[in-house]
């Protein structure tokens, strides 16, 4: 384990961007596999119809479209992995490096001070957070073959509940990151939590127009949470 860590540290020092890209791709693939497994487990517990009983008992029953015998949709895994490769790895690398340079060298805030942490947290939550969510939902929809109009509607549906849900978790993660983790290890720390984040976003994306999403959006915007209210009579 120590030799693997040393090797990773060497790769991170020699080829930081490439290493972050590869690491992010792997973690986002694993995250989506976890999300699919969790969703399948929840469905099996919630639905005890005859169809589910047959699937559970008869190993010859074919899995759903795009899924293997273990119930994994590998196209979806690939889409998630490529988001890690194309966005999270390179953009995340330059974001955290740039944020450290801005706060420490340009604003000259004392490291680990309250203003230092607050500035980083605010920038991460209000700038990178929304960009990350818009990129994820837009890419996921287009990569799945959906029309732009559909992607735009789903983005409007999902953005607020996702932003609020993630906003309740990531600031806690980042306080620990910015306060205790050395700068050279902050990207690795974030990448670890990206494993959990990718699992959450993959699960969230495939919740579609779930009632809890509508209620959360309605609570913030004051709009009705009735899905039929936006339809023509």
C-alpha atoms as a PDB file:
ATOM      1  CA  UNK A   1       0.000   0.000   0.000  1.00  0.00           C
ATOM      2  CA  UNK A   2       2.825   2.384   0.878  1.00  0.00           C
ATOM      3  CA  UNK A   3       4.570   1.675  -2.419  1.00  0.00           C
ATOM      4  CA  UNK A   4       1.328   2.327  -4.328  1.00  0.00           C
ATOM      5  CA  UNK A   5       0.914   5.621  -2.488  1.00  0.00           C
ATOM      6  CA  UNK A   6       4.491   6.599  -3.256  1.00  0.00           C
ATOM      7  CA  UNK A   7       3.981   5.731  -6.922  1.00  0.00           C
ATOM      8  CA  UNK A   8       0.802   7.827  -7.056  1.00  0.00           C
ATOM      9  CA  UNK A   9       2.534  10.753  -5.385  1.00  0.00           C
ATOM     10  CA  UNK A  10       5.326  10.514  -7.929  1.00  0.00           C
ATOM     11  CA  UNK A  11       2.862  10.515 -10.818  1.00  0.00           C
ATOM     12  CA  UNK A  12       0.981  13.438  -9.286  1.00  0.00           C
ATOM     13  CA  UNK A  13       4.186  15.443  -8.972  1.00  0.00           C
ATOM     14  CA  UNK A  14       5.492  14.582 -12.453  1.00  0.00           C
ATOM     15  CA  UNK A  15       2.226  14.658 -14.438  1.00  0.00           C
ATOM     16  CA  UNK A  16      -0.416  16.335 -12.259  1.00  0.00           C
ATOM     17  CA  UNK A  17      -3.053  17.027 -14.916  1.00  0.00           C
ATOM     18  CA  UNK A  18      -2.832  13.605 -16.546  1.00  0.00           C
ATOM     19  CA  UNK A  19      -2.900  11.875 -13.164  1.00  0.00           C
ATOM     20  CA  UNK A  20      -5.980  13.822 -12.070  1.00  0.00           C
ATOM     21  CA  UNK A  21      -7.734  13.048 -15.365  1.00  0.00           C
ATOM     22  CA  UNK A  22      -7.137   9.303 -15.057  1.00  0.00           C
ATOM     23  CA  UNK A  23      -8.018   9.256 -11.358  1.00  0.00           C
ATOM     24  CA  UNK A  24     -11.220  11.212 -11.923  1.00  0.00           C
ATOM     25  CA  UNK A  25     -12.305   8.945 -14.772  1.00  0.00           C
ATOM     26  CA  UNK A  26     -11.859   5.857 -12.609  1.00  0.00           C
ATOM     27  CA  UNK A  27     -13.591   7.357  -9.581  1.00  0.00           C
ATOM     28  CA  UNK A  28     -16.587   8.598 -11.554  1.00  0.00           C
ATOM     29  CA  UNK A  29     -16.997   5.196 -13.186  1.00  0.00           C
ATOM     30  CA  UNK A  30     -16.913   3.495  -9.792  1.00  0.00           C
ATOM     31  CA  UNK A  31     -19.283   6.127  -8.408  1.00  0.00           C
ATOM     32  CA  UNK A  32     -21.879   5.428 -11.084  1.00  0.00           C
ATOM     33  CA  UNK A  33     -21.590   1.682 -10.507  1.00  0.00           C
ATOM     34  CA  UNK A  34     -22.237   2.293  -6.813  1.00  0.00           C
ATOM     35  CA  UNK A  35     -25.227   4.494  -7.658  1.00  0.00           C
ATOM     36  CA  UNK A  36     -26.699   1.810  -9.915  1.00  0.00           C
ATOM     37  CA  UNK A  37     -26.191  -0.857  -7.257  1.00  0.00           C
ATOM     38  CA  UNK A  38     -27.855   1.286  -4.591  1.00  0.00           C
ATOM     39  CA  UNK A  39     -30.795   2.096  -6.878  1.00  0.00           C
ATOM     40  CA  UNK A  40     -31.258  -1.582  -7.760  1.00  0.00           C
ATOM     41  CA  UNK A  41     -31.152  -2.555  -4.090  1.00  0.00           C
ATOM     42  CA  UNK A  42     -33.768   0.053  -3.187  1.00  0.00           C
ATOM     43  CA  UNK A  43     -36.031  -1.071  -6.023  1.00  0.00           C
ATOM     44  CA  UNK A  44     -35.841  -4.697  -4.916  1.00  0.00           C
ATOM     45  CA  UNK A  45     -36.865  -3.748  -1.392  1.00  0.00           C
ATOM     46  CA  UNK A  46     -39.680  -1.431  -2.451  1.00  0.00           C
ATOM     47  CA  UNK A  47     -41.229  -3.549  -5.188  1.00  0.00           C
ATOM     48  CA  UNK A  48     -42.332  -7.074  -4.370  1.00  0.00           C
ATOM     49  CA  UNK A  49     -44.485  -7.688  -7.391  1.00  0.00           C
ATOM     50  CA  UNK A  50     -44.517 -10.975  -9.242  1.00  0.00           C
ATOM     51  CA  UNK A  51     -42.241  -9.611 -11.943  1.00  0.00           C
ATOM     52  CA  UNK A  52     -39.554  -8.766  -9.428  1.00  0.00           C
ATOM     53  CA  UNK A  53     -39.969 -12.145  -7.783  1.00  0.00           C
ATOM     54  CA  UNK A  54     -39.419 -13.892 -11.111  1.00  0.00           C
ATOM     55  CA  UNK A  55     -36.324 -11.837 -11.842  1.00  0.00           C
ATOM     56  CA  UNK A  56     -34.915 -12.610  -8.415  1.00  0.00           C
ATOM     57  CA  UNK A  57     -35.595 -16.354  -8.692  1.00  0.00           C
ATOM     58  CA  UNK A  58     -35.023 -17.151 -12.343  1.00  0.00           C
ATOM     59  CA  UNK A  59     -31.419 -16.507 -13.435  1.00  0.00           C
ATOM     60  CA  UNK A  60     -32.414 -16.979 -17.073  1.00  0.00           C
ATOM     61  CA  UNK A  61     -34.511 -13.820 -17.165  1.00  0.00           C
ATOM     62  CA  UNK A  62     -32.845 -11.234 -19.395  1.00  0.00           C
ATOM     63  CA  UNK A  63     -31.601  -8.025 -17.743  1.00  0.00           C
ATOM     64  CA  UNK A  64     -33.017  -4.657 -18.739  1.00  0.00           C
ATOM     65  CA  UNK A  65     -31.962  -2.812 -21.903  1.00  0.00           C
ATOM     66  CA  UNK A  66     -28.304  -1.866 -21.870  1.00  0.00           C
ATOM     67  CA  UNK A  67     -27.586  -3.859 -18.717  1.00  0.00           C
ATOM     68  CA  UNK A  68     -25.434  -6.919 -18.167  1.00  0.00           C
ATOM     69  CA  UNK A  69     -26.368  -9.957 -16.078  1.00  0.00           C
ATOM     70  CA  UNK A  70     -25.434  -8.047 -12.913  1.00  0.00           C
ATOM     71  CA  UNK A  71     -27.841  -5.232 -13.813  1.00  0.00           C
ATOM     72  CA  UNK A  72     -25.184  -2.665 -14.687  1.00  0.00           C
ATOM     73  CA  UNK A  73     -25.701  -0.266 -17.567  1.00  0.00           C
ATOM     74  CA  UNK A  74     -22.173   0.033 -18.919  1.00  0.00           C
ATOM     75  CA  UNK A  75     -23.072   2.821 -21.326  1.00  0.00           C
ATOM     76  CA  UNK A  76     -24.137   4.901 -18.349  1.00  0.00           C
ATOM     77  CA  UNK A  77     -20.906   3.980 -16.535  1.00  0.00           C
ATOM     78  CA  UNK A  78     -18.914   5.082 -19.579  1.00  0.00           C
ATOM     79  CA  UNK A  79     -20.774   8.386 -19.803  1.00  0.00           C
ATOM     80  CA  UNK A  80     -20.053   9.116 -16.143  1.00  0.00           C
ATOM     81  CA  UNK A  81     -16.411   8.123 -16.521  1.00  0.00           C
ATOM     82  CA  UNK A  82     -15.932  10.437 -19.484  1.00  0.00           C
ATOM     83  CA  UNK A  83     -17.338  13.322 -17.457  1.00  0.00           C
ATOM     84  CA  UNK A  84     -14.602  12.666 -14.917  1.00  0.00           C
ATOM     85  CA  UNK A  85     -12.019  12.552 -17.700  1.00  0.00           C
ATOM     86  CA  UNK A  86     -13.237  15.560 -19.664  1.00  0.00           C
ATOM     87  CA  UNK A  87     -14.353  17.915 -16.908  1.00  0.00           C
ATOM     88  CA  UNK A  88     -13.662  16.952 -13.301  1.00  0.00           C
ATOM     89  CA  UNK A  89     -10.019  16.008 -13.793  1.00  0.00           C
ATOM     90  CA  UNK A  90      -8.677  18.939 -15.828  1.00  0.00           C
ATOM     91  CA  UNK A  91     -11.078  21.658 -14.683  1.00  0.00           C
ATOM     92  CA  UNK A  92     -10.905  20.592 -11.042  1.00  0.00           C
ATOM     93  CA  UNK A  93      -7.111  20.556 -11.133  1.00  0.00           C
ATOM     94  CA  UNK A  94      -6.793  24.098 -12.455  1.00  0.00           C
ATOM     95  CA  UNK A  95      -9.632  25.361 -10.271  1.00  0.00           C
ATOM     96  CA  UNK A  96      -8.048  24.342  -6.979  1.00  0.00           C
ATOM     97  CA  UNK A  97      -4.579  25.394  -8.056  1.00  0.00           C
ATOM     98  CA  UNK A  98      -5.932  28.742  -9.241  1.00  0.00           C
ATOM     99  CA  UNK A  99      -8.026  29.251  -6.125  1.00  0.00           C
ATOM    100  CA  UNK A 100      -4.989  28.690  -3.902  1.00  0.00           C
ATOM    101  CA  UNK A 101      -2.949  31.143  -5.987  1.00  0.00           C
ATOM    102  CA  UNK A 102      -5.690  33.782  -5.873  1.00  0.00           C
ATOM    103  CA  UNK A 103      -6.405  33.616  -2.162  1.00  0.00           C
ATOM    104  CA  UNK A 104      -2.836  33.151  -0.978  1.00  0.00           C
ATOM    105  CA  UNK A 105      -0.733  35.120  -3.455  1.00  0.00           C
ATOM    106  CA  UNK A 106      -3.102  37.754  -4.851  1.00  0.00           C
ATOM    107  CA  UNK A 107      -5.365  38.510  -1.887  1.00  0.00           C
ATOM    108  CA  UNK A 108      -2.559  37.686   0.546  1.00  0.00           C
ATOM    109  CA  UNK A 109      -4.854  36.157   3.126  1.00  0.00           C
ATOM    110  CA  UNK A 110      -3.205  34.299   5.962  1.00  0.00           C
ATOM    111  CA  UNK A 111      -3.451  30.521   5.369  1.00  0.00           C
ATOM    112  CA  UNK A 112      -6.027  28.751   7.555  1.00  0.00           C
ATOM    113  CA  UNK A 113      -7.402  32.054   8.863  1.00  0.00           C
ATOM    114  CA  UNK A 114     -11.155  32.613   8.989  1.00  0.00           C
ATOM    115  CA  UNK A 115     -11.081  34.998   6.002  1.00  0.00           C
ATOM    116  CA  UNK A 116      -8.909  32.539   4.068  1.00  0.00           C
ATOM    117  CA  UNK A 117     -11.358  29.679   4.637  1.00  0.00           C
ATOM    118  CA  UNK A 118     -14.461  31.812   4.081  1.00  0.00           C
ATOM    119  CA  UNK A 119     -13.155  33.180   0.776  1.00  0.00           C
ATOM    120  CA  UNK A 120     -12.302  29.737  -0.527  1.00  0.00           C
ATOM    121  CA  UNK A 121     -15.617  28.262   0.612  1.00  0.00           C
ATOM    122  CA  UNK A 122     -17.627  31.084  -0.958  1.00  0.00           C
ATOM    123  CA  UNK A 123     -15.781  30.838  -4.271  1.00  0.00           C
ATOM    124  CA  UNK A 124     -16.076  27.066  -4.365  1.00  0.00           C
ATOM    125  CA  UNK A 125     -19.790  27.063  -3.517  1.00  0.00           C
ATOM    126  CA  UNK A 126     -20.910  30.023  -5.629  1.00  0.00           C
ATOM    127  CA  UNK A 127     -18.653  29.684  -8.683  1.00  0.00           C
ATOM    128  CA  UNK A 128     -17.369  26.160  -9.161  1.00  0.00           C
ATOM    129  CA  UNK A 129     -20.428  24.432  -7.673  1.00  0.00           C
ATOM    130  CA  UNK A 130     -22.990  25.821 -10.154  1.00  0.00           C
ATOM    131  CA  UNK A 131     -20.611  25.395 -13.109  1.00  0.00           C
ATOM    132  CA  UNK A 132     -20.009  21.781 -12.111  1.00  0.00           C
ATOM    133  CA  UNK A 133     -23.742  20.999 -11.878  1.00  0.00           C
ATOM    134  CA  UNK A 134     -24.639  22.714 -15.157  1.00  0.00           C
ATOM    135  CA  UNK A 135     -21.818  20.862 -16.917  1.00  0.00           C
ATOM    136  CA  UNK A 136     -22.857  17.515 -15.418  1.00  0.00           C
ATOM    137  CA  UNK A 137     -26.556  17.713 -16.241  1.00  0.00           C
ATOM    138  CA  UNK A 138     -25.961  19.156 -19.714  1.00  0.00           C
ATOM    139  CA  UNK A 139     -23.314  16.604 -20.631  1.00  0.00           C
ATOM    140  CA  UNK A 140     -25.266  13.656 -19.203  1.00  0.00           C
ATOM    141  CA  UNK A 141     -28.377  14.548 -21.149  1.00  0.00           C
ATOM    142  CA  UNK A 142     -26.645  15.183 -24.470  1.00  0.00           C
ATOM    143  CA  UNK A 143     -24.449  12.086 -24.104  1.00  0.00           C
ATOM    144  CA  UNK A 144     -27.591  10.013 -23.545  1.00  0.00           C
ATOM    145  CA  UNK A 145     -28.928  11.222 -26.906  1.00  0.00           C
ATOM    146  CA  UNK A 146     -31.556  13.635 -25.601  1.00  0.00           C
ATOM    147  CA  UNK A 147     -32.597  16.700 -27.562  1.00  0.00           C
ATOM    148  CA  UNK A 148     -31.387  20.086 -26.344  1.00  0.00           C
ATOM    149  CA  UNK A 149     -34.930  21.156 -25.435  1.00  0.00           C
ATOM    150  CA  UNK A 150     -35.293  18.119 -23.167  1.00  0.00           C
ATOM    151  CA  UNK A 151     -31.861  18.676 -21.618  1.00  0.00           C
ATOM    152  CA  UNK A 152     -32.715  22.303 -20.891  1.00  0.00           C
ATOM    153  CA  UNK A 153     -35.997  21.327 -19.234  1.00  0.00           C
ATOM    154  CA  UNK A 154     -34.302  18.687 -17.100  1.00  0.00           C
ATOM    155  CA  UNK A 155     -31.590  21.163 -16.103  1.00  0.00           C
ATOM    156  CA  UNK A 156     -34.249  23.588 -14.925  1.00  0.00           C
ATOM    157  CA  UNK A 157     -35.937  20.787 -13.002  1.00  0.00           C
ATOM    158  CA  UNK A 158     -32.816  19.370 -11.364  1.00  0.00           C
ATOM    159  CA  UNK A 159     -30.497  22.315 -10.736  1.00  0.00           C
ATOM    160  CA  UNK A 160     -32.053  23.851  -7.622  1.00  0.00           C
ATOM    161  CA  UNK A 161     -32.603  20.618  -5.639  1.00  0.00           C
ATOM    162  CA  UNK A 162     -29.135  19.358  -6.589  1.00  0.00           C
ATOM    163  CA  UNK A 163     -27.476  22.666  -5.689  1.00  0.00           C
ATOM    164  CA  UNK A 164     -29.193  22.794  -2.305  1.00  0.00           C
ATOM    165  CA  UNK A 165     -28.509  19.150  -1.512  1.00  0.00           C
ATOM    166  CA  UNK A 166     -24.843  19.376  -2.443  1.00  0.00           C
ATOM    167  CA  UNK A 167     -24.599  22.729  -0.704  1.00  0.00           C
ATOM    168  CA  UNK A 168     -25.451  21.053   2.576  1.00  0.00           C
ATOM    169  CA  UNK A 169     -22.531  18.623   2.297  1.00  0.00           C
ATOM    170  CA  UNK A 170     -19.638  20.071   0.310  1.00  0.00           C
ATOM    171  CA  UNK A 171     -18.929  23.077   2.572  1.00  0.00           C
ATOM    172  CA  UNK A 172     -18.250  20.661   5.447  1.00  0.00           C
ATOM    173  CA  UNK A 173     -15.947  18.616   3.222  1.00  0.00           C
ATOM    174  CA  UNK A 174     -14.135  21.714   2.026  1.00  0.00           C
ATOM    175  CA  UNK A 175     -13.665  23.211   5.493  1.00  0.00           C
ATOM    176  CA  UNK A 176     -11.648  20.134   6.416  1.00  0.00           C
ATOM    177  CA  UNK A 177      -9.859  20.283   3.062  1.00  0.00           C
ATOM    178  CA  UNK A 178      -8.860  23.947   3.181  1.00  0.00           C
ATOM    179  CA  UNK A 179      -8.072  23.903   6.905  1.00  0.00           C
ATOM    180  CA  UNK A 180      -6.184  20.654   7.483  1.00  0.00           C
ATOM    181  CA  UNK A 181      -5.108  19.092   4.172  1.00  0.00           C
ATOM    182  CA  UNK A 182      -1.764  20.238   2.683  1.00  0.00           C
ATOM    183  CA  UNK A 183      -2.138  21.989  -0.665  1.00  0.00           C
ATOM    184  CA  UNK A 184      -0.330  19.227  -2.547  1.00  0.00           C
ATOM    185  CA  UNK A 185      -2.861  16.683  -1.253  1.00  0.00           C
ATOM    186  CA  UNK A 186      -6.056  18.728  -1.591  1.00  0.00           C
ATOM    187  CA  UNK A 187      -6.846  17.457  -5.079  1.00  0.00           C
ATOM    188  CA  UNK A 188      -6.540  13.850  -3.944  1.00  0.00           C
ATOM    189  CA  UNK A 189      -8.808  14.575  -0.982  1.00  0.00           C
ATOM    190  CA  UNK A 190     -11.415  16.158  -3.249  1.00  0.00           C
ATOM    191  CA  UNK A 191     -11.130  13.284  -5.716  1.00  0.00           C
ATOM    192  CA  UNK A 192     -11.931  10.815  -2.948  1.00  0.00           C
ATOM    193  CA  UNK A 193     -15.130  12.660  -2.121  1.00  0.00           C
ATOM    194  CA  UNK A 194     -15.846  12.926  -5.844  1.00  0.00           C
ATOM    195  CA  UNK A 195     -16.355   9.166  -5.681  1.00  0.00           C
ATOM    196  CA  UNK A 196     -19.278   9.770  -3.335  1.00  0.00           C
ATOM    197  CA  UNK A 197     -20.352  12.850  -5.284  1.00  0.00           C
ATOM    198  CA  UNK A 198     -20.431  10.973  -8.581  1.00  0.00           C
ATOM    199  CA  UNK A 199     -22.523   8.240  -6.976  1.00  0.00           C
ATOM    200  CA  UNK A 200     -24.940  10.857  -5.641  1.00  0.00           C
ATOM    201  CA  UNK A 201     -25.215  12.808  -8.904  1.00  0.00           C
ATOM    202  CA  UNK A 202     -25.660   9.648 -10.968  1.00  0.00           C
ATOM    203  CA  UNK A 203     -28.420   8.520  -8.615  1.00  0.00           C
ATOM    204  CA  UNK A 204     -29.915  12.033  -8.547  1.00  0.00           C
ATOM    205  CA  UNK A 205     -29.903  12.342 -12.328  1.00  0.00           C
ATOM    206  CA  UNK A 206     -31.939   9.159 -12.710  1.00  0.00           C
ATOM    207  CA  UNK A 207     -34.548  10.141 -10.106  1.00  0.00           C
ATOM    208  CA  UNK A 208     -36.283  12.030 -12.918  1.00  0.00           C
ATOM    209  CA  UNK A 209     -39.209  14.165 -11.686  1.00  0.00           C
ATOM    210  CA  UNK A 210     -39.335  12.663  -8.192  1.00  0.00           C
ATOM    211  CA  UNK A 211     -41.843  14.244  -5.745  1.00  0.00           C
ATOM    212  CA  UNK A 212     -39.102  15.292  -3.316  1.00  0.00           C
ATOM    213  CA  UNK A 213     -37.391  17.256  -6.101  1.00  0.00           C
ATOM    214  CA  UNK A 214     -40.604  19.130  -6.874  1.00  0.00           C
ATOM    215  CA  UNK A 215     -41.247  19.897  -3.213  1.00  0.00           C
ATOM    216  CA  UNK A 216     -37.720  21.204  -2.643  1.00  0.00           C
ATOM    217  CA  UNK A 217     -37.870  23.397  -5.750  1.00  0.00           C
ATOM    218  CA  UNK A 218     -41.318  24.674  -4.778  1.00  0.00           C
ATOM    219  CA  UNK A 219     -40.082  25.513  -1.280  1.00  0.00           C
ATOM    220  CA  UNK A 220     -37.278  27.678  -2.687  1.00  0.00           C
ATOM    221  CA  UNK A 221     -39.059  29.289  -5.633  1.00  0.00           C
ATOM    222  CA  UNK A 222     -42.596  29.425  -4.278  1.00  0.00           C
ATOM    223  CA  UNK A 223     -43.893  27.612  -7.356  1.00  0.00           C
ATOM    224  CA  UNK A 224     -46.408  24.799  -7.224  1.00  0.00           C
ATOM    225  CA  UNK A 225     -45.021  21.283  -6.778  1.00  0.00           C
ATOM    226  CA  UNK A 226     -47.885  19.824  -8.802  1.00  0.00           C
ATOM    227  CA  UNK A 227     -46.351  18.413 -12.026  1.00  0.00           C
ATOM    228  CA  UNK A 228     -49.639  18.966 -13.854  1.00  0.00           C
ATOM    229  CA  UNK A 229     -49.752  22.662 -13.003  1.00  0.00           C
ATOM    230  CA  UNK A 230     -47.394  23.539 -15.858  1.00  0.00           C
ATOM    231  CA  UNK A 231     -49.420  21.688 -18.470  1.00  0.00           C
ATOM    232  CA  UNK A 232     -52.006  23.213 -20.709  1.00  0.00           C
ATOM    233  CA  UNK A 233     -55.627  22.396 -19.882  1.00  0.00           C
END
